[in-house]
């Protein structure tokens, strides 16, 4: 097997090469096959085709990294989870049954890896059910009557401000916004990934978007106040 540092280079993260399992050598890809479907690439990877799995890593590594960063406490933890996600994906490639898209399958693996990481590092705390805010209270905070609150969040022109606002959300809100609005996973797949009915997913997403809109408005107000000080 070739050196496991290949995955580190491909995903642009640090990696302890001396301690790395050699299976990570699959990430080396001398040639890409951009026209191949995810399912075909995964099938080839399961059969030992390192180049094919490397293309899959190239295609989805950035999205998985964004997602796991929203689930763990810092960049170093996100890098660890990212590495583990693609290791688990490689090891489990033969078990993929095409019941969902490959990207959704990768997100499910990433979600499990993040949970185990938090538990292993003693950072995981069971999420207490937050006091349910009334839709009216959320709407007022989000700016109902001034602008469409969901459009305010989803069409925010400043990417950095949007990401900062996402980071202020509760973990459950942050996760559903990342999946549905940032990574554009289908509603049905997000519901399945989170173990929710489609109706429950839509309700949670709506509330999360309202909270995100409120966070964006608060950030804008603070910036304007600072500018006028």
Protein backbone atom coordinates (compact mmCIF):
# COMPACT_ATOMS: atom_id res chain seq x y z
CA UNK A 1 0.00 0.00 0.00
CA UNK A 2 1.15 3.53 -0.68
CA UNK A 3 1.62 6.10 2.06
CA UNK A 4 -1.50 7.10 4.02
CA UNK A 5 -0.48 10.75 3.84
CA UNK A 6 -2.25 10.82 0.48
CA UNK A 7 -5.61 11.30 2.19
CA UNK A 8 -4.19 14.17 4.20
CA UNK A 9 -3.09 15.92 1.03
CA UNK A 10 -6.37 15.27 -0.74
CA UNK A 11 -8.53 16.61 2.09
CA UNK A 12 -6.14 19.41 3.05
CA UNK A 13 -5.88 18.35 6.69
CA UNK A 14 -3.07 17.24 8.95
CA UNK A 15 -2.47 13.53 9.57
CA UNK A 16 -0.07 11.42 11.61
CA UNK A 17 1.48 9.34 8.86
CA UNK A 18 3.46 7.08 11.16
CA UNK A 19 0.33 6.01 13.02
CA UNK A 20 -2.01 5.88 10.04
CA UNK A 21 -3.54 2.60 8.85
CA UNK A 22 -2.32 1.76 5.38
CA UNK A 23 -5.88 1.43 4.07
CA UNK A 24 -5.88 5.22 3.64
CA UNK A 25 -3.70 4.76 0.60
CA UNK A 26 -6.89 4.46 -1.45
CA UNK A 27 -7.00 8.26 -1.65
CA UNK A 28 -4.17 8.39 -4.18
CA UNK A 29 -5.61 9.04 -7.61
CA UNK A 30 -3.39 9.60 -10.63
CA UNK A 31 -6.34 10.09 -12.95
CA UNK A 32 -9.87 11.26 -12.26
CA UNK A 33 -13.03 10.00 -13.91
CA UNK A 34 -15.44 12.92 -13.44
CA UNK A 35 -18.19 11.32 -15.52
CA UNK A 36 -18.54 8.24 -13.31
CA UNK A 37 -21.48 8.11 -10.91
CA UNK A 38 -20.95 8.01 -7.16
CA UNK A 39 -22.40 4.51 -7.01
CA UNK A 40 -20.00 3.24 -9.67
CA UNK A 41 -17.03 4.85 -7.93
CA UNK A 42 -18.07 3.31 -4.62
CA UNK A 43 -18.47 -0.12 -6.21
CA UNK A 44 -14.99 0.17 -7.69
CA UNK A 45 -13.63 1.32 -4.36
CA UNK A 46 -15.21 -1.69 -2.65
CA UNK A 47 -13.40 -3.89 -5.18
CA UNK A 48 -10.08 -2.28 -4.26
CA UNK A 49 -9.81 0.44 -6.89
CA UNK A 50 -7.90 3.15 -5.03
CA UNK A 51 -8.20 5.70 -7.82
CA UNK A 52 -11.99 5.40 -7.93
CA UNK A 53 -12.33 5.94 -4.20
CA UNK A 54 -9.93 8.86 -4.47
CA UNK A 55 -12.29 10.51 -6.94
CA UNK A 56 -15.14 10.02 -4.47
CA UNK A 57 -13.05 11.66 -1.74
CA UNK A 58 -12.32 14.57 -4.06
CA UNK A 59 -15.98 14.95 -4.92
CA UNK A 60 -17.45 14.93 -1.41
CA UNK A 61 -14.59 15.64 1.00
CA UNK A 62 -15.30 19.38 1.19
CA UNK A 63 -19.01 18.93 1.90
CA UNK A 64 -18.38 16.31 4.56
CA UNK A 65 -15.80 18.58 6.20
CA UNK A 66 -18.27 21.48 6.35
CA UNK A 67 -20.89 19.23 7.85
CA UNK A 68 -18.74 17.68 10.57
CA UNK A 69 -17.32 21.09 11.51
CA UNK A 70 -20.85 22.00 12.51
CA UNK A 71 -21.11 18.95 14.75
CA UNK A 72 -17.87 19.15 16.75
CA UNK A 73 -16.13 21.76 18.83
CA UNK A 74 -13.15 22.82 16.71
CA UNK A 75 -11.19 22.34 13.50
CA UNK A 76 -8.91 19.67 14.90
CA UNK A 77 -11.88 17.57 15.96
CA UNK A 78 -13.47 18.07 12.53
CA UNK A 79 -10.27 16.84 10.86
CA UNK A 80 -10.25 13.72 13.04
CA UNK A 81 -13.88 12.98 12.25
CA UNK A 82 -13.29 13.57 8.55
CA UNK A 83 -10.46 11.06 8.50
CA UNK A 84 -12.57 8.51 10.36
CA UNK A 85 -15.54 9.07 8.07
CA UNK A 86 -13.66 8.11 4.93
CA UNK A 87 -11.95 5.21 6.66
CA UNK A 88 -15.34 3.87 7.71
CA UNK A 89 -16.75 4.54 4.25
CA UNK A 90 -13.95 2.59 2.61
CA UNK A 91 -14.33 -0.31 5.02
CA UNK A 92 -18.09 -0.35 4.57
CA UNK A 93 -18.25 0.33 0.84
CA UNK A 94 -19.27 -3.22 0.01
CA UNK A 95 -22.29 -2.88 2.25
CA UNK A 96 -23.78 0.13 0.43
CA UNK A 97 -27.26 -0.78 -0.82
CA UNK A 98 -28.17 2.33 -2.84
CA UNK A 99 -31.20 3.03 -0.64
CA UNK A 100 -30.05 6.66 -0.56
CA UNK A 101 -27.55 8.79 -2.43
CA UNK A 102 -23.88 8.08 -1.76
CA UNK A 103 -23.46 11.60 -0.37
CA UNK A 104 -26.30 11.05 2.11
CA UNK A 105 -24.69 7.75 3.10
CA UNK A 106 -21.40 9.58 3.74
CA UNK A 107 -23.18 12.15 5.89
CA UNK A 108 -24.73 9.36 7.95
CA UNK A 109 -21.29 7.83 8.51
CA UNK A 110 -19.94 11.28 9.40
CA UNK A 111 -22.75 11.87 11.88
CA UNK A 112 -21.97 8.58 13.64
CA UNK A 113 -18.25 9.34 13.64
CA UNK A 114 -18.90 12.77 15.18
CA UNK A 115 -21.07 11.24 17.90
CA UNK A 116 -18.39 8.69 18.77
CA UNK A 117 -15.73 11.39 18.76
CA UNK A 118 -17.66 13.52 21.24
CA UNK A 119 -18.29 10.52 23.45
CA UNK A 120 -14.66 9.40 23.31
CA UNK A 121 -13.40 12.87 24.20
CA UNK A 122 -15.94 13.17 27.01
CA UNK A 123 -17.37 16.21 25.28
CA UNK A 124 -20.71 14.68 24.46
CA UNK A 125 -23.56 15.94 26.56
CA UNK A 126 -27.10 14.67 25.98
CA UNK A 127 -29.04 17.45 24.34
CA UNK A 128 -31.78 18.61 26.65
CA UNK A 129 -35.05 19.41 25.00
CA UNK A 130 -35.02 23.16 24.71
CA UNK A 131 -38.04 25.04 25.89
CA UNK A 132 -40.29 25.24 22.88
CA UNK A 133 -40.48 28.78 21.60
CA UNK A 134 -43.76 29.87 20.15
CA UNK A 135 -43.81 30.52 16.44
CA UNK A 136 -44.86 34.08 17.20
CA UNK A 137 -41.83 34.69 19.45
CA UNK A 138 -39.51 33.24 16.84
CA UNK A 139 -41.13 35.31 14.14
CA UNK A 140 -40.76 38.57 16.04
CA UNK A 141 -37.06 37.84 16.70
CA UNK A 142 -36.57 36.94 13.06
CA UNK A 143 -38.09 40.20 11.90
CA UNK A 144 -41.56 39.33 10.71
CA UNK A 145 -43.14 42.37 9.17
CA UNK A 146 -39.79 43.71 7.95
CA UNK A 147 -38.66 41.04 5.50
CA UNK A 148 -39.26 37.39 4.78
CA UNK A 149 -37.28 35.76 7.63
CA UNK A 150 -36.35 32.64 5.71
CA UNK A 151 -35.21 34.60 2.68
CA UNK A 152 -33.24 36.86 5.00
CA UNK A 153 -31.27 33.85 6.16
CA UNK A 154 -31.01 31.92 2.93
CA UNK A 155 -30.09 34.88 0.73
CA UNK A 156 -27.58 36.48 3.06
CA UNK A 157 -24.97 38.03 0.79
CA UNK A 158 -22.08 37.80 3.22
CA UNK A 159 -20.96 34.21 3.45
CA UNK A 160 -18.77 34.77 6.50
CA UNK A 161 -21.59 36.42 8.40
CA UNK A 162 -23.90 33.57 7.52
CA UNK A 163 -21.42 30.95 8.70
CA UNK A 164 -20.81 32.85 11.95
CA UNK A 165 -24.57 33.01 12.54
CA UNK A 166 -24.91 29.28 11.87
CA UNK A 167 -22.29 28.61 14.52
CA UNK A 168 -24.43 30.38 17.14
CA UNK A 169 -27.34 27.98 16.65
CA UNK A 170 -28.10 25.05 18.91
CA UNK A 171 -26.58 21.80 17.57
CA UNK A 172 -29.88 20.39 16.29
CA UNK A 173 -30.69 23.64 14.45
CA UNK A 174 -27.16 23.94 13.08
CA UNK A 175 -27.18 20.38 11.78
CA UNK A 176 -30.47 20.61 9.91
CA UNK A 177 -29.56 23.95 8.31
CA UNK A 178 -26.21 22.56 7.20
CA UNK A 179 -27.79 19.47 5.69
CA UNK A 180 -30.76 21.03 3.97
CA UNK A 181 -29.65 24.57 3.07
CA UNK A 182 -25.87 24.46 2.84
CA UNK A 183 -25.33 20.98 1.41
CA UNK A 184 -28.77 20.84 -0.25
CA UNK A 185 -29.57 17.27 0.77
CA UNK A 186 -33.15 16.39 -0.20
CA UNK A 187 -35.86 16.76 2.44
CA UNK A 188 -36.59 13.04 2.37
CA UNK A 189 -32.93 12.15 2.87
CA UNK A 190 -32.48 14.67 5.68
CA UNK A 191 -35.55 13.27 7.42
CA UNK A 192 -34.16 9.75 7.12
CA UNK A 193 -30.72 10.80 8.30
CA UNK A 194 -32.13 12.49 11.41
CA UNK A 195 -34.71 9.80 12.11
CA UNK A 196 -37.66 12.16 11.62
CA UNK A 197 -40.85 12.08 9.62
CA UNK A 198 -40.82 14.43 6.65
CA UNK A 199 -43.37 16.67 8.36
CA UNK A 200 -41.32 16.83 11.57
CA UNK A 201 -38.17 17.60 9.57
CA UNK A 202 -39.90 20.47 7.79
CA UNK A 203 -41.13 21.89 11.09
CA UNK A 204 -37.68 21.69 12.69
CA UNK A 205 -36.08 23.24 9.61
CA UNK A 206 -38.59 26.10 9.59
CA UNK A 207 -37.86 26.91 13.25
CA UNK A 208 -34.10 26.61 12.66
CA UNK A 209 -34.30 29.03 9.72
CA UNK A 210 -36.21 31.52 11.85
CA UNK A 211 -33.55 31.34 14.57
CA UNK A 212 -30.86 31.76 11.93
CA UNK A 213 -32.65 34.79 10.55
CA UNK A 214 -32.84 36.25 14.05
CA UNK A 215 -29.12 35.65 14.56
CA UNK A 216 -28.32 37.39 11.29
CA UNK A 217 -30.45 40.38 12.20
CA UNK A 218 -28.79 40.61 15.61
CA UNK A 219 -25.34 40.50 14.00
CA UNK A 220 -26.30 43.19 11.53
CA UNK A 221 -27.65 45.40 14.31
CA UNK A 222 -24.46 44.97 16.34
CA UNK A 223 -22.30 45.81 13.33
CA UNK A 224 -24.35 48.91 12.56
CA UNK A 225 -24.19 50.04 16.18
CA UNK A 226 -20.42 49.58 16.24
CA UNK A 227 -20.04 51.52 13.00
CA UNK A 228 -22.04 54.42 14.36
CA UNK A 229 -20.29 54.50 17.73
